[in-house]
Amino acid sequence: MTAPELFDLNDDDGHATAVVGTVSTELEAEARTAEAGCPERAAIITAAGSDSS
């Protein structure tokens, strides 16, 4: 799994859950890789202070 520092993987169903709300600058590249590789397209990264709706 990409970015295990940012996501917990559920062994039962294989779905990941974010474990942090704000991604540090150091982990931003990993977060973007995880977003791009999410098969469900459920990982969405927005800029701080932006409206995601």
N, C-alpha and C. Protein backbone atom coordinates (compact mmCIF):
# COMPACT_ATOMS: atom_id res chain seq x y z
N MET A 1 0.84 -1.18 0.00
CA MET A 1 0.00 0.00 0.00
C MET A 1 0.88 1.24 0.00
N THR A 2 0.46 2.23 -0.76
CA THR A 2 1.15 3.51 -0.79
C THR A 2 0.82 4.32 0.45
N ALA A 3 1.80 5.00 1.00
CA ALA A 3 1.64 5.94 2.11
C ALA A 3 1.01 5.33 3.36
N PRO A 4 1.61 4.29 3.93
CA PRO A 4 1.04 3.70 5.15
C PRO A 4 1.05 4.67 6.33
N GLU A 5 1.83 5.75 6.24
CA GLU A 5 1.82 6.76 7.29
C GLU A 5 0.53 7.57 7.27
N LEU A 6 -0.17 7.52 6.14
CA LEU A 6 -1.36 8.34 5.96
C LEU A 6 -2.66 7.54 5.97
N PHE A 7 -2.57 6.23 5.76
CA PHE A 7 -3.76 5.40 5.64
C PHE A 7 -3.63 4.11 6.45
N ASP A 8 -4.75 3.66 6.99
CA ASP A 8 -4.86 2.33 7.59
C ASP A 8 -5.59 1.45 6.59
N LEU A 9 -5.10 0.24 6.39
CA LEU A 9 -5.74 -0.69 5.48
C LEU A 9 -6.55 -1.70 6.26
N ASN A 10 -7.82 -1.85 5.91
CA ASN A 10 -8.71 -2.80 6.55
C ASN A 10 -8.43 -4.17 5.93
N ASP A 11 -7.98 -5.11 6.74
CA ASP A 11 -7.66 -6.45 6.24
C ASP A 11 -8.89 -7.22 5.77
N ASP A 12 -10.07 -6.87 6.28
CA ASP A 12 -11.28 -7.60 5.92
C ASP A 12 -11.78 -7.26 4.52
N ASP A 13 -11.82 -5.97 4.21
CA ASP A 13 -12.38 -5.58 2.90
C ASP A 13 -11.37 -4.91 1.96
N GLY A 14 -10.17 -4.64 2.45
CA GLY A 14 -9.14 -4.06 1.60
C GLY A 14 -9.24 -2.56 1.39
N HIS A 15 -10.20 -1.92 2.04
CA HIS A 15 -10.34 -0.48 1.90
C HIS A 15 -9.41 0.25 2.88
N ALA A 16 -8.95 1.41 2.44
CA ALA A 16 -8.06 2.22 3.27
C ALA A 16 -8.84 3.38 3.87
N THR A 17 -8.41 3.81 5.05
CA THR A 17 -8.99 4.95 5.73
C THR A 17 -7.88 5.91 6.08
N ALA A 18 -8.09 7.19 5.81
CA ALA A 18 -7.09 8.20 6.14
C ALA A 18 -6.93 8.28 7.65
N VAL A 19 -5.69 8.39 8.11
CA VAL A 19 -5.42 8.50 9.54
C VAL A 19 -4.97 9.91 9.92
N VAL A 20 -4.79 10.77 8.94
CA VAL A 20 -4.45 12.17 9.20
C VAL A 20 -5.35 13.04 8.34
N GLY A 21 -5.70 14.21 8.85
CA GLY A 21 -6.52 15.13 8.09
C GLY A 21 -5.68 16.10 7.28
N THR A 22 -4.57 16.51 7.86
CA THR A 22 -3.68 17.45 7.18
C THR A 22 -2.36 16.75 6.91
N VAL A 23 -1.94 16.75 5.66
CA VAL A 23 -0.72 16.08 5.24
C VAL A 23 0.45 17.05 5.36
N SER A 24 1.51 16.60 5.99
CA SER A 24 2.70 17.45 6.12
C SER A 24 3.37 17.61 4.76
N THR A 25 4.16 18.64 4.64
CA THR A 25 4.89 18.90 3.41
C THR A 25 5.78 17.71 3.05
N GLU A 26 6.35 17.07 4.05
CA GLU A 26 7.25 15.94 3.83
C GLU A 26 6.53 14.74 3.21
N LEU A 27 5.24 14.60 3.46
CA LEU A 27 4.48 13.45 2.96
C LEU A 27 3.58 13.78 1.78
N GLU A 28 3.64 15.02 1.30
CA GLU A 28 2.74 15.43 0.22
C GLU A 28 2.93 14.61 -1.05
N ALA A 29 4.17 14.32 -1.42
CA ALA A 29 4.41 13.53 -2.64
C ALA A 29 3.81 12.14 -2.50
N GLU A 30 3.96 11.52 -1.31
CA GLU A 30 3.37 10.20 -1.09
C GLU A 30 1.85 10.26 -1.15
N ALA A 31 1.28 11.32 -0.60
CA ALA A 31 -0.17 11.48 -0.63
C ALA A 31 -0.66 11.62 -2.08
N ARG A 32 0.05 12.37 -2.89
CA ARG A 32 -0.34 12.54 -4.30
C ARG A 32 -0.23 11.22 -5.06
N THR A 33 0.79 10.43 -4.74
CA THR A 33 0.95 9.11 -5.37
C THR A 33 -0.22 8.20 -4.97
N ALA A 34 -0.61 8.26 -3.70
CA ALA A 34 -1.74 7.45 -3.22
C ALA A 34 -3.03 7.90 -3.90
N GLU A 35 -3.21 9.19 -4.05
CA GLU A 35 -4.41 9.71 -4.72
C GLU A 35 -4.47 9.21 -6.16
N ALA A 36 -3.37 9.29 -6.86
CA ALA A 36 -3.33 8.86 -8.26
C ALA A 36 -3.55 7.36 -8.40
N GLY A 37 -3.13 6.59 -7.41
CA GLY A 37 -3.22 5.14 -7.50
C GLY A 37 -4.46 4.53 -6.87
N CYS A 38 -5.34 5.35 -6.33
CA CYS A 38 -6.53 4.83 -5.67
C CYS A 38 -7.49 4.27 -6.71
N PRO A 39 -7.75 2.96 -6.71
CA PRO A 39 -8.61 2.35 -7.72
C PRO A 39 -10.06 2.81 -7.63
N GLU A 40 -10.49 3.25 -6.47
CA GLU A 40 -11.86 3.72 -6.28
C GLU A 40 -11.98 5.22 -6.51
N ARG A 41 -10.86 5.89 -6.70
CA ARG A 41 -10.80 7.36 -6.82
C ARG A 41 -11.44 8.04 -5.61
N ALA A 42 -11.28 7.40 -4.46
CA ALA A 42 -11.84 7.93 -3.22
C ALA A 42 -10.88 8.86 -2.49
N ALA A 43 -9.61 8.77 -2.79
CA ALA A 43 -8.62 9.66 -2.17
C ALA A 43 -8.56 10.95 -2.96
N ILE A 44 -8.92 12.04 -2.31
CA ILE A 44 -8.92 13.35 -2.96
C ILE A 44 -8.14 14.31 -2.08
N ILE A 45 -7.15 14.94 -2.67
CA ILE A 45 -6.34 15.90 -1.93
C ILE A 45 -6.73 17.30 -2.37
N THR A 46 -6.98 18.15 -1.39
CA THR A 46 -7.30 19.55 -1.67
C THR A 46 -6.28 20.44 -0.95
N ALA A 47 -6.13 21.63 -1.44
CA ALA A 47 -5.22 22.59 -0.79
C ALA A 47 -5.82 23.04 0.52
N ALA A 48 -4.98 23.35 1.47
CA ALA A 48 -5.43 23.83 2.77
C ALA A 48 -6.31 25.06 2.59
N GLY A 49 -7.43 25.07 3.25
CA GLY A 49 -8.33 26.21 3.19
C GLY A 49 -9.25 26.23 1.98
N SER A 50 -9.13 25.23 1.10
CA SER A 50 -10.00 25.21 -0.08
C SER A 50 -11.31 24.51 0.27
N ASP A 51 -12.32 24.81 -0.49
CA ASP A 51 -13.63 24.18 -0.31
C ASP A 51 -13.69 22.96 -1.23
N SER A 52 -13.86 21.76 -0.66
CA SER A 52 -13.85 20.53 -1.46
C SER A 52 -15.21 20.18 -2.03
N SER A 53 -16.23 21.02 -1.83
CA SER A 53 -17.56 20.71 -2.36
C SER A 53 -17.75 21.22 -3.76
